[in-house]
Every structure is written in structure tokens, then in C-alpha cells.
N, C-alpha and C. Protein backbone atom coordinates (compact mmCIF):
# COMPACT_ATOMS: atom_id res chain seq x y z
N UNK A 1 289.32 127.96 237.20
CA UNK A 1 289.32 129.36 236.76
C UNK A 1 290.74 129.79 236.44
N UNK A 2 290.97 130.22 235.22
CA UNK A 2 292.33 130.65 234.89
C UNK A 2 292.49 132.14 235.19
N UNK A 3 293.65 132.48 235.69
CA UNK A 3 293.91 133.90 235.96
C UNK A 3 294.26 134.57 234.64
N UNK A 4 293.94 135.86 234.50
CA UNK A 4 294.28 136.52 233.25
C UNK A 4 295.79 136.54 233.06
N UNK A 5 296.21 136.52 231.83
CA UNK A 5 297.64 136.48 231.52
C UNK A 5 298.32 137.75 232.04
N UNK A 6 299.53 137.59 232.51
CA UNK A 6 300.32 138.76 232.87
C UNK A 6 300.66 139.54 231.61
N UNK A 7 300.72 140.86 231.76
CA UNK A 7 301.03 141.72 230.62
C UNK A 7 302.46 142.24 230.75
N UNK A 8 303.21 142.06 229.68
CA UNK A 8 304.61 142.47 229.66
C UNK A 8 304.78 143.55 228.60
N UNK A 9 305.36 144.66 229.01
CA UNK A 9 305.70 145.74 228.08
C UNK A 9 307.13 145.49 227.61
N UNK A 10 307.29 145.28 226.30
CA UNK A 10 308.61 145.02 225.71
C UNK A 10 309.08 146.28 225.00
N UNK A 11 310.23 146.80 225.45
CA UNK A 11 310.78 148.02 224.86
C UNK A 11 312.10 147.65 224.18
N UNK A 12 312.11 147.71 222.87
CA UNK A 12 313.28 147.29 222.09
C UNK A 12 313.24 148.04 220.76
N UNK A 13 314.32 148.75 220.43
CA UNK A 13 314.32 149.55 219.21
C UNK A 13 314.61 148.74 217.95
N UNK A 14 315.17 147.54 218.11
CA UNK A 14 315.43 146.68 216.96
C UNK A 14 314.17 145.86 216.65
N UNK A 15 313.57 146.14 215.49
CA UNK A 15 312.27 145.53 215.16
C UNK A 15 312.32 144.00 215.19
N UNK A 16 313.40 143.44 214.65
CA UNK A 16 313.48 141.97 214.55
C UNK A 16 313.62 141.35 215.93
N UNK A 17 314.49 141.93 216.75
CA UNK A 17 314.67 141.43 218.12
C UNK A 17 313.36 141.56 218.89
N UNK A 18 312.69 142.70 218.74
CA UNK A 18 311.43 142.91 219.45
C UNK A 18 310.39 141.87 219.01
N UNK A 19 310.30 141.62 217.70
CA UNK A 19 309.34 140.61 217.22
C UNK A 19 309.62 139.24 217.81
N UNK A 20 310.90 138.88 217.87
CA UNK A 20 311.26 137.57 218.42
C UNK A 20 310.87 137.46 219.89
N UNK A 21 311.19 138.51 220.66
CA UNK A 21 310.85 138.49 222.09
C UNK A 21 309.33 138.40 222.27
N UNK A 22 308.61 139.21 221.49
CA UNK A 22 307.14 139.21 221.59
C UNK A 22 306.58 137.84 221.23
N UNK A 23 307.10 137.23 220.15
CA UNK A 23 306.63 135.90 219.75
C UNK A 23 306.83 134.89 220.88
N UNK A 24 308.00 134.92 221.49
CA UNK A 24 308.31 133.98 222.56
C UNK A 24 307.35 134.19 223.74
N UNK A 25 307.18 135.45 224.14
CA UNK A 25 306.32 135.74 225.29
C UNK A 25 304.87 135.36 225.00
N UNK A 26 304.42 135.60 223.77
CA UNK A 26 303.04 135.24 223.43
C UNK A 26 302.87 133.73 223.41
N UNK A 27 303.91 133.01 222.95
CA UNK A 27 303.84 131.55 222.99
C UNK A 27 303.75 131.06 224.43
N UNK A 28 304.36 131.79 225.34
CA UNK A 28 304.30 131.44 226.76
C UNK A 28 303.01 131.94 227.41
N UNK A 29 302.12 132.47 226.57
CA UNK A 29 300.78 132.89 226.98
C UNK A 29 300.77 134.15 227.84
N UNK A 30 301.72 135.03 227.59
CA UNK A 30 301.66 136.36 228.19
C UNK A 30 300.99 137.31 227.21
N UNK A 31 300.34 138.34 227.74
CA UNK A 31 299.90 139.45 226.90
C UNK A 31 301.10 140.37 226.74
N UNK A 32 301.26 140.94 225.55
CA UNK A 32 302.44 141.76 225.30
C UNK A 32 302.05 143.10 224.70
N UNK A 33 302.65 144.15 225.26
CA UNK A 33 302.59 145.48 224.66
C UNK A 33 303.96 145.75 224.07
N UNK A 34 304.00 146.33 222.88
CA UNK A 34 305.29 146.58 222.23
C UNK A 34 305.57 148.07 222.13
N UNK A 35 306.80 148.44 222.45
CA UNK A 35 307.23 149.82 222.27
C UNK A 35 308.58 149.80 221.58
N UNK A 36 308.77 150.71 220.60
CA UNK A 36 310.04 150.73 219.88
C UNK A 36 311.03 151.70 220.51
N UNK A 37 310.63 152.28 221.64
CA UNK A 37 311.55 153.18 222.34
C UNK A 37 310.87 153.76 223.57
N UNK A 38 311.59 154.65 224.24
CA UNK A 38 311.13 155.18 225.52
C UNK A 38 309.83 155.97 225.42
N UNK A 39 309.70 156.78 224.36
CA UNK A 39 308.49 157.62 224.25
C UNK A 39 307.24 156.76 224.22
N UNK A 40 307.27 155.75 223.35
CA UNK A 40 306.11 154.87 223.23
C UNK A 40 305.88 154.11 224.53
N UNK A 41 306.96 153.68 225.17
CA UNK A 41 306.83 152.96 226.44
C UNK A 41 306.17 153.84 227.49
N UNK A 42 306.59 155.09 227.56
CA UNK A 42 306.02 156.00 228.57
C UNK A 42 304.55 156.29 228.31
N UNK A 43 304.15 156.26 227.03
CA UNK A 43 302.72 156.42 226.73
C UNK A 43 301.93 155.28 227.35
N UNK A 44 302.41 154.05 227.17
CA UNK A 44 301.74 152.89 227.79
C UNK A 44 301.72 153.02 229.31
N UNK A 45 302.89 153.39 229.87
CA UNK A 45 303.02 153.44 231.33
C UNK A 45 302.15 154.54 231.94
N UNK A 46 301.92 155.62 231.18
CA UNK A 46 301.11 156.73 231.70
C UNK A 46 299.63 156.42 231.67
N UNK A 47 299.25 155.40 230.91
CA UNK A 47 297.84 155.04 230.76
C UNK A 47 297.44 154.14 231.92
N UNK A 48 296.82 154.73 232.91
CA UNK A 48 296.45 154.00 234.13
C UNK A 48 295.51 152.84 233.88
N UNK A 49 294.83 152.85 232.74
CA UNK A 49 293.88 151.78 232.43
C UNK A 49 294.61 150.52 231.94
N UNK A 50 295.86 150.66 231.54
CA UNK A 50 296.61 149.51 231.02
C UNK A 50 297.26 148.74 232.17
N UNK A 51 296.99 147.44 232.17
CA UNK A 51 297.66 146.57 233.13
C UNK A 51 299.04 146.26 232.59
N UNK A 52 300.07 146.50 233.38
CA UNK A 52 301.43 146.13 233.00
C UNK A 52 302.06 145.46 234.23
N UNK A 53 302.44 144.20 234.06
CA UNK A 53 302.99 143.44 235.20
C UNK A 53 304.50 143.41 235.21
N UNK A 54 305.10 143.73 234.05
CA UNK A 54 306.56 143.68 233.93
C UNK A 54 306.95 144.52 232.73
N UNK A 55 308.02 145.30 232.89
CA UNK A 55 308.58 145.99 231.73
C UNK A 55 309.93 145.36 231.43
N UNK A 56 310.07 144.88 230.19
CA UNK A 56 311.34 144.33 229.73
C UNK A 56 311.91 145.32 228.73
N UNK A 57 313.06 145.88 229.04
CA UNK A 57 313.62 146.91 228.16
C UNK A 57 315.06 146.62 227.80
N UNK A 58 315.39 146.97 226.57
CA UNK A 58 316.78 146.96 226.13
C UNK A 58 317.48 148.09 226.90
N UNK A 59 318.74 147.91 227.23
CA UNK A 59 319.48 148.97 227.91
C UNK A 59 319.86 150.06 226.90
N UNK A 60 320.33 149.63 225.73
CA UNK A 60 320.81 150.58 224.74
C UNK A 60 319.72 151.06 223.82
N UNK A 61 318.89 151.98 224.29
CA UNK A 61 317.85 152.56 223.46
C UNK A 61 318.34 153.92 222.95
N UNK A 62 317.88 154.34 221.78
CA UNK A 62 318.22 155.69 221.33
C UNK A 62 317.51 156.73 222.19
N UNK A 63 318.09 157.89 222.33
CA UNK A 63 317.46 158.92 223.16
C UNK A 63 317.62 158.55 224.63
N UNK A 64 316.50 158.36 225.31
CA UNK A 64 316.52 157.96 226.71
C UNK A 64 316.88 156.49 226.79
N UNK A 65 317.96 156.13 227.49
CA UNK A 65 318.35 154.72 227.53
C UNK A 65 317.47 153.94 228.52
N UNK A 66 317.67 152.63 228.54
CA UNK A 66 316.80 151.76 229.32
C UNK A 66 316.80 152.09 230.80
N UNK A 67 317.97 152.49 231.33
CA UNK A 67 318.02 152.81 232.76
C UNK A 67 317.24 154.08 233.07
N UNK A 68 317.37 155.08 232.20
CA UNK A 68 316.60 156.32 232.40
C UNK A 68 315.11 156.03 232.29
N UNK A 69 314.76 155.19 231.31
CA UNK A 69 313.36 154.80 231.13
C UNK A 69 312.85 154.11 232.39
N UNK A 70 313.66 153.23 232.96
CA UNK A 70 313.24 152.51 234.17
C UNK A 70 312.96 153.50 235.30
N UNK A 71 313.81 154.52 235.41
CA UNK A 71 313.59 155.55 236.43
C UNK A 71 312.27 156.26 236.24
N UNK A 72 311.97 156.62 234.99
CA UNK A 72 310.70 157.30 234.69
C UNK A 72 309.53 156.35 234.93
N UNK A 73 309.70 155.08 234.54
CA UNK A 73 308.63 154.09 234.71
C UNK A 73 308.28 153.95 236.19
N UNK A 74 309.30 153.96 237.04
CA UNK A 74 309.06 153.79 238.48
C UNK A 74 308.37 155.01 239.10
N UNK A 75 308.54 156.17 238.47
CA UNK A 75 307.81 157.35 238.96
C UNK A 75 306.32 157.17 238.68
N UNK A 76 306.01 156.55 237.53
CA UNK A 76 304.61 156.35 237.15
C UNK A 76 304.01 155.13 237.84
N UNK A 77 304.81 154.08 237.99
CA UNK A 77 304.35 152.81 238.57
C UNK A 77 305.43 152.30 239.52
N UNK A 78 305.41 152.77 240.75
CA UNK A 78 306.52 152.50 241.68
C UNK A 78 306.82 151.03 241.93
N UNK A 79 305.82 150.15 241.79
CA UNK A 79 306.05 148.74 242.11
C UNK A 79 306.35 147.90 240.86
N UNK A 80 306.48 148.53 239.70
CA UNK A 80 306.64 147.78 238.45
C UNK A 80 307.95 147.01 238.42
N UNK A 81 307.90 145.68 238.24
CA UNK A 81 309.15 144.94 238.04
C UNK A 81 309.77 145.30 236.70
N UNK A 82 311.08 145.41 236.67
CA UNK A 82 311.79 145.79 235.45
C UNK A 82 312.88 144.78 235.15
N UNK A 83 312.90 144.34 233.89
CA UNK A 83 313.90 143.39 233.41
C UNK A 83 314.68 144.05 232.28
N UNK A 84 315.98 144.22 232.49
CA UNK A 84 316.83 144.77 231.44
C UNK A 84 317.38 143.64 230.59
N UNK A 85 317.40 143.84 229.27
CA UNK A 85 318.06 142.91 228.36
C UNK A 85 319.29 143.61 227.84
N UNK A 86 320.44 142.96 227.96
CA UNK A 86 321.66 143.62 227.54
C UNK A 86 322.66 142.62 226.99
N UNK A 87 323.34 143.01 225.93
CA UNK A 87 324.43 142.19 225.41
C UNK A 87 325.64 142.25 226.31
N UNK A 88 325.59 143.15 227.31
CA UNK A 88 326.72 143.33 228.22
C UNK A 88 326.25 143.12 229.65
N UNK A 89 325.47 142.06 229.86
CA UNK A 89 324.78 141.87 231.14
C UNK A 89 325.75 141.87 232.32
N UNK A 90 326.94 141.27 232.12
CA UNK A 90 327.84 141.15 233.27
C UNK A 90 328.43 142.51 233.64
N UNK A 91 328.35 143.49 232.74
CA UNK A 91 328.95 144.81 233.02
C UNK A 91 327.92 145.85 233.42
N UNK A 92 326.67 145.44 233.56
CA UNK A 92 325.64 146.45 233.78
C UNK A 92 325.25 146.51 235.25
N UNK A 93 325.20 147.72 235.74
CA UNK A 93 324.77 147.97 237.12
C UNK A 93 323.27 148.21 237.10
N UNK A 94 322.52 147.39 237.81
CA UNK A 94 321.09 147.65 237.89
C UNK A 94 320.71 147.78 239.36
N UNK A 95 319.72 148.62 239.65
CA UNK A 95 319.26 148.73 241.03
C UNK A 95 318.87 147.36 241.59
N UNK A 96 318.99 147.21 242.88
CA UNK A 96 318.81 145.92 243.53
C UNK A 96 317.45 145.29 243.24
N UNK A 97 316.43 146.12 243.05
CA UNK A 97 315.09 145.55 242.85
C UNK A 97 314.74 145.42 241.37
N UNK A 98 315.76 145.49 240.50
CA UNK A 98 315.52 145.28 239.07
C UNK A 98 316.33 144.07 238.62
N UNK A 99 316.02 143.57 237.45
CA UNK A 99 316.58 142.30 236.98
C UNK A 99 317.28 142.50 235.64
N UNK A 100 318.16 141.57 235.29
CA UNK A 100 318.85 141.67 234.01
C UNK A 100 318.97 140.29 233.38
N UNK A 101 318.85 140.24 232.06
CA UNK A 101 319.08 139.00 231.31
C UNK A 101 320.06 139.34 230.19
N UNK A 102 321.03 138.47 229.99
CA UNK A 102 322.03 138.71 228.96
C UNK A 102 321.54 138.30 227.59
N UNK A 103 321.85 139.12 226.59
CA UNK A 103 321.55 138.76 225.20
C UNK A 103 322.80 138.11 224.62
N UNK A 104 322.68 137.14 223.77
CA UNK A 104 321.41 136.50 223.39
C UNK A 104 320.94 135.53 224.48
N UNK A 105 319.65 135.37 224.61
CA UNK A 105 319.12 134.43 225.60
C UNK A 105 318.24 133.42 224.88
N UNK A 106 318.11 132.25 225.48
CA UNK A 106 317.26 131.21 224.90
C UNK A 106 315.82 131.44 225.35
N UNK A 107 314.91 130.78 224.67
CA UNK A 107 313.50 130.83 225.05
C UNK A 107 313.34 130.38 226.50
N UNK A 108 314.07 129.32 226.86
CA UNK A 108 313.96 128.77 228.22
C UNK A 108 314.46 129.79 229.25
N UNK A 109 315.59 130.45 228.92
CA UNK A 109 316.13 131.45 229.86
C UNK A 109 315.14 132.58 230.06
N UNK A 110 314.55 133.03 228.95
CA UNK A 110 313.59 134.13 229.04
C UNK A 110 312.38 133.70 229.86
N UNK A 111 311.87 132.50 229.56
CA UNK A 111 310.69 132.00 230.29
C UNK A 111 310.98 131.91 231.78
N UNK A 112 312.11 131.32 232.14
CA UNK A 112 312.45 131.13 233.55
C UNK A 112 312.64 132.46 234.26
N UNK A 113 313.27 133.41 233.56
CA UNK A 113 313.53 134.72 234.16
C UNK A 113 312.21 135.44 234.43
N UNK A 114 311.36 135.46 233.40
CA UNK A 114 310.09 136.19 233.51
C UNK A 114 309.20 135.54 234.57
N UNK A 115 309.12 134.21 234.54
CA UNK A 115 308.28 133.53 235.53
C UNK A 115 308.82 133.74 236.94
N UNK A 116 310.15 133.72 237.05
CA UNK A 116 310.77 133.95 238.35
C UNK A 116 310.44 135.32 238.91
N UNK A 117 310.39 136.32 238.03
CA UNK A 117 310.08 137.69 238.46
C UNK A 117 308.60 137.81 238.83
N UNK A 118 307.74 137.20 238.02
CA UNK A 118 306.30 137.40 238.19
C UNK A 118 305.70 136.53 239.29
N UNK A 119 306.35 135.40 239.57
CA UNK A 119 305.75 134.48 240.58
C UNK A 119 306.00 134.96 242.00
């Protein structure tokens, strides 16, 4: 019996980067929800019927940035694992129970990071 795929919400305002991340995650057999920014992400997060096992967000989003989004996400889903993607990973402060991956990352790095968080 196979367990249903984990669902990852990808929040990235750059369409090309978002498509690449989504393609990689889908190849790794995850279900993916896509949001081009915080507003769309919060719509998904507010929908209690949607299963979301991990939110992966860019830090530098227009409007509400990734850290603010993470704060709002945790109000809606307190146990939600959060993975920040940042080109400045070594300079970013994230809460102890959140994760960060530096951009650019390889498919293997992304796979290992996501599996490490979800397992």
C-alpha cells in the first residue's frame, strides 16, 4: 500500500524558478501547489480541506516577504514545516523550527532537504 504523496506549497514570484522547483518536486513524486506570492499562498493555507505537508517559500517576495508569510502560515497551521529558499542563505535568520536552502540548489540538494524535513 503506497502512502499518498506529500503535498508541498511552493511560493515563488519568479515564474521560471517556480516552474523549475515544481518540476523537480513532481519528478520526486510530491504533489505540488503553486503560489506566485503571499496572497495566493494564504488562500491555500486558509483552505482547511487542502492537505499541505510543507511550505517552501522564497524569502524575497514582493509585498509580504517570506518570513512574514511564514508567520501568517503558522497562525493558520501551527505545525506546518517551512523551508525558505534564499540566494543569501548564510545571512538569513530563520526560527529554530524552520529550514533554509541556499539558491541555487541542485535537484539532489532539494530532494534531500525536503525528504529530511518530511521524514
